[in-house]
Amino acid sequence: MKELLRTNDPTVIPYATTLLHGEGIECFELDVHMSTLGFVPRRLMVRDTDLFMARAILREAGVPLES
């Protein structure tokens, strides 16, 4: 699994997950319960083989990525 996205914004992860699932890409959210503290960002993970396509989908949708 590779990290696709890291954010403190609670609306970005569900949006990104919906976009990816719509394209048939499975993803997994980490740090869900820790992020309720407010300073620990949530992470969205995808399979290594899906990383390139997942990044392209999120960039096209305007989701900010770190890299």
N, C-alpha and C. Protein backbone atom coordinates (compact mmCIF):
# COMPACT_ATOMS: atom_id res chain seq x y z
N MET A 1 0.84 -1.17 0.00
CA MET A 1 0.00 0.00 0.00
C MET A 1 0.89 1.24 0.00
N LYS A 2 0.45 2.24 -0.73
CA LYS A 2 1.17 3.52 -0.81
C LYS A 2 0.25 4.64 -0.35
N GLU A 3 0.84 5.65 0.27
CA GLU A 3 0.07 6.81 0.70
C GLU A 3 -0.24 7.68 -0.51
N LEU A 4 -1.50 7.94 -0.71
CA LEU A 4 -1.96 8.78 -1.81
C LEU A 4 -2.21 10.21 -1.33
N LEU A 5 -2.76 10.34 -0.14
CA LEU A 5 -3.23 11.63 0.33
C LEU A 5 -3.11 11.71 1.84
N ARG A 6 -2.77 12.90 2.32
CA ARG A 6 -2.69 13.16 3.77
C ARG A 6 -3.31 14.53 4.00
N THR A 7 -4.30 14.59 4.88
CA THR A 7 -4.99 15.86 5.09
C THR A 7 -5.65 15.93 6.45
N ASN A 8 -5.82 17.16 6.94
CA ASN A 8 -6.59 17.42 8.16
C ASN A 8 -8.02 17.84 7.82
N ASP A 9 -8.28 18.11 6.55
CA ASP A 9 -9.61 18.53 6.11
C ASP A 9 -10.55 17.32 6.12
N PRO A 10 -11.60 17.33 6.94
CA PRO A 10 -12.48 16.17 7.06
C PRO A 10 -13.33 15.91 5.82
N THR A 11 -13.38 16.84 4.87
CA THR A 11 -14.22 16.63 3.69
C THR A 11 -13.45 16.04 2.51
N VAL A 12 -12.14 16.12 2.51
CA VAL A 12 -11.34 15.69 1.36
C VAL A 12 -11.31 14.17 1.22
N ILE A 13 -11.11 13.46 2.32
CA ILE A 13 -10.99 12.00 2.25
C ILE A 13 -12.27 11.35 1.72
N PRO A 14 -13.46 11.69 2.23
CA PRO A 14 -14.67 11.07 1.67
C PRO A 14 -14.87 11.39 0.18
N TYR A 15 -14.54 12.61 -0.21
CA TYR A 15 -14.65 13.01 -1.62
C TYR A 15 -13.69 12.18 -2.48
N ALA A 16 -12.44 12.09 -2.05
CA ALA A 16 -11.44 11.33 -2.80
C ALA A 16 -11.82 9.85 -2.86
N THR A 17 -12.32 9.32 -1.76
CA THR A 17 -12.73 7.92 -1.72
C THR A 17 -13.85 7.65 -2.72
N THR A 18 -14.82 8.55 -2.78
CA THR A 18 -15.93 8.40 -3.72
C THR A 18 -15.43 8.44 -5.16
N LEU A 19 -14.53 9.36 -5.47
CA LEU A 19 -13.97 9.44 -6.82
C LEU A 19 -13.24 8.15 -7.20
N LEU A 20 -12.43 7.66 -6.28
CA LEU A 20 -11.65 6.46 -6.57
C LEU A 20 -12.53 5.22 -6.71
N HIS A 21 -13.50 5.07 -5.83
CA HIS A 21 -14.40 3.92 -5.92
C HIS A 21 -15.19 3.97 -7.22
N GLY A 22 -15.54 5.17 -7.67
CA GLY A 22 -16.26 5.31 -8.94
C GLY A 22 -15.44 4.85 -10.13
N GLU A 23 -14.12 4.85 -10.00
CA GLU A 23 -13.21 4.39 -11.06
C GLU A 23 -12.72 2.97 -10.82
N GLY A 24 -13.25 2.32 -9.78
CA GLY A 24 -12.87 0.93 -9.51
C GLY A 24 -11.56 0.77 -8.77
N ILE A 25 -11.11 1.81 -8.09
CA ILE A 25 -9.86 1.75 -7.34
C ILE A 25 -10.20 1.63 -5.85
N GLU A 26 -9.70 0.58 -5.22
CA GLU A 26 -9.93 0.39 -3.80
C GLU A 26 -8.95 1.26 -3.01
N CYS A 27 -9.42 1.80 -1.91
CA CYS A 27 -8.56 2.61 -1.05
C CYS A 27 -8.91 2.32 0.40
N PHE A 28 -7.99 2.70 1.27
CA PHE A 28 -8.14 2.43 2.70
C PHE A 28 -7.72 3.66 3.48
N GLU A 29 -8.53 4.06 4.43
CA GLU A 29 -8.26 5.25 5.23
C GLU A 29 -7.57 4.86 6.54
N LEU A 30 -6.48 5.56 6.84
CA LEU A 30 -5.75 5.34 8.09
C LEU A 30 -5.90 6.54 9.01
N ASP A 31 -5.68 6.33 10.28
CA ASP A 31 -5.69 7.38 11.31
C ASP A 31 -7.07 8.01 11.49
N VAL A 32 -8.10 7.25 11.27
CA VAL A 32 -9.47 7.77 11.38
C VAL A 32 -9.76 8.26 12.79
N HIS A 33 -9.46 7.45 13.78
CA HIS A 33 -9.80 7.82 15.16
C HIS A 33 -8.81 8.80 15.75
N MET A 34 -7.57 8.76 15.32
CA MET A 34 -6.57 9.70 15.81
C MET A 34 -6.84 11.11 15.30
N SER A 35 -7.44 11.23 14.12
CA SER A 35 -7.67 12.55 13.53
C SER A 35 -8.72 13.36 14.28
N THR A 36 -9.47 12.73 15.18
CA THR A 36 -10.44 13.48 15.96
C THR A 36 -9.76 14.44 16.92
N LEU A 37 -8.47 14.23 17.15
CA LEU A 37 -7.71 15.14 18.00
C LEU A 37 -7.46 16.47 17.30
N GLY A 38 -7.52 16.48 15.98
CA GLY A 38 -7.40 17.72 15.23
C GLY A 38 -6.02 18.01 14.67
N PHE A 39 -4.99 17.41 15.21
CA PHE A 39 -3.64 17.70 14.72
C PHE A 39 -2.99 16.50 14.03
N VAL A 40 -3.64 15.36 14.02
CA VAL A 40 -3.13 14.18 13.32
C VAL A 40 -3.90 14.05 12.01
N PRO A 41 -3.23 14.18 10.89
CA PRO A 41 -3.94 14.10 9.61
C PRO A 41 -4.36 12.67 9.26
N ARG A 42 -5.43 12.57 8.52
CA ARG A 42 -5.87 11.29 8.00
C ARG A 42 -5.07 10.97 6.74
N ARG A 43 -4.89 9.68 6.48
CA ARG A 43 -4.17 9.26 5.28
C ARG A 43 -5.05 8.32 4.46
N LEU A 44 -4.93 8.45 3.16
CA LEU A 44 -5.65 7.58 2.24
C LEU A 44 -4.62 6.75 1.49
N MET A 45 -4.78 5.44 1.56
CA MET A 45 -3.83 4.51 0.97
C MET A 45 -4.46 3.79 -0.22
N VAL A 46 -3.63 3.48 -1.22
CA VAL A 46 -4.07 2.69 -2.37
C VAL A 46 -3.01 1.62 -2.67
N ARG A 47 -3.37 0.65 -3.47
CA ARG A 47 -2.39 -0.37 -3.89
C ARG A 47 -1.30 0.28 -4.70
N ASP A 48 -0.11 -0.29 -4.64
CA ASP A 48 1.04 0.21 -5.40
C ASP A 48 0.70 0.34 -6.89
N THR A 49 0.01 -0.65 -7.42
CA THR A 49 -0.30 -0.67 -8.85
C THR A 49 -1.35 0.37 -9.25
N ASP A 50 -2.12 0.87 -8.28
CA ASP A 50 -3.16 1.86 -8.57
C ASP A 50 -2.72 3.30 -8.31
N LEU A 51 -1.52 3.50 -7.78
CA LEU A 51 -1.08 4.82 -7.35
C LEU A 51 -1.07 5.84 -8.48
N PHE A 52 -0.50 5.50 -9.61
CA PHE A 52 -0.40 6.44 -10.73
C PHE A 52 -1.79 6.89 -11.19
N MET A 53 -2.69 5.93 -11.40
CA MET A 53 -4.03 6.26 -11.87
C MET A 53 -4.82 7.03 -10.81
N ALA A 54 -4.66 6.67 -9.54
CA ALA A 54 -5.36 7.37 -8.46
C ALA A 54 -4.92 8.82 -8.37
N ARG A 55 -3.62 9.07 -8.51
CA ARG A 55 -3.13 10.46 -8.51
C ARG A 55 -3.72 11.25 -9.67
N ALA A 56 -3.77 10.64 -10.83
CA ALA A 56 -4.31 11.32 -12.01
C ALA A 56 -5.78 11.67 -11.81
N ILE A 57 -6.54 10.75 -11.24
CA ILE A 57 -7.98 10.98 -11.00
C ILE A 57 -8.18 12.14 -10.04
N LEU A 58 -7.42 12.15 -8.95
CA LEU A 58 -7.59 13.21 -7.96
C LEU A 58 -7.11 14.56 -8.48
N ARG A 59 -6.01 14.58 -9.23
CA ARG A 59 -5.55 15.85 -9.81
C ARG A 59 -6.58 16.42 -10.77
N GLU A 60 -7.16 15.55 -11.59
CA GLU A 60 -8.17 16.00 -12.55
C GLU A 60 -9.39 16.58 -11.85
N ALA A 61 -9.71 16.05 -10.67
CA ALA A 61 -10.85 16.52 -9.91
C ALA A 61 -10.51 17.76 -9.05
N GLY A 62 -9.24 18.16 -9.03
CA GLY A 62 -8.84 19.32 -8.28
C GLY A 62 -8.52 19.07 -6.81
N VAL A 63 -8.31 17.81 -6.46
CA VAL A 63 -7.95 17.48 -5.08
C VAL A 63 -6.45 17.75 -4.91
N PRO A 64 -6.07 18.58 -3.93
CA PRO A 64 -4.65 18.91 -3.76
C PRO A 64 -3.85 17.72 -3.23
N LEU A 65 -2.77 17.40 -3.92
CA LEU A 65 -1.85 16.34 -3.52
C LEU A 65 -0.52 16.98 -3.15
N GLU A 66 0.20 16.37 -2.24
CA GLU A 66 1.47 16.93 -1.77
C GLU A 66 2.57 16.86 -2.80
N SER A 67 2.65 15.79 -3.57
CA SER A 67 3.79 15.63 -4.48
C SER A 67 3.54 16.15 -5.86
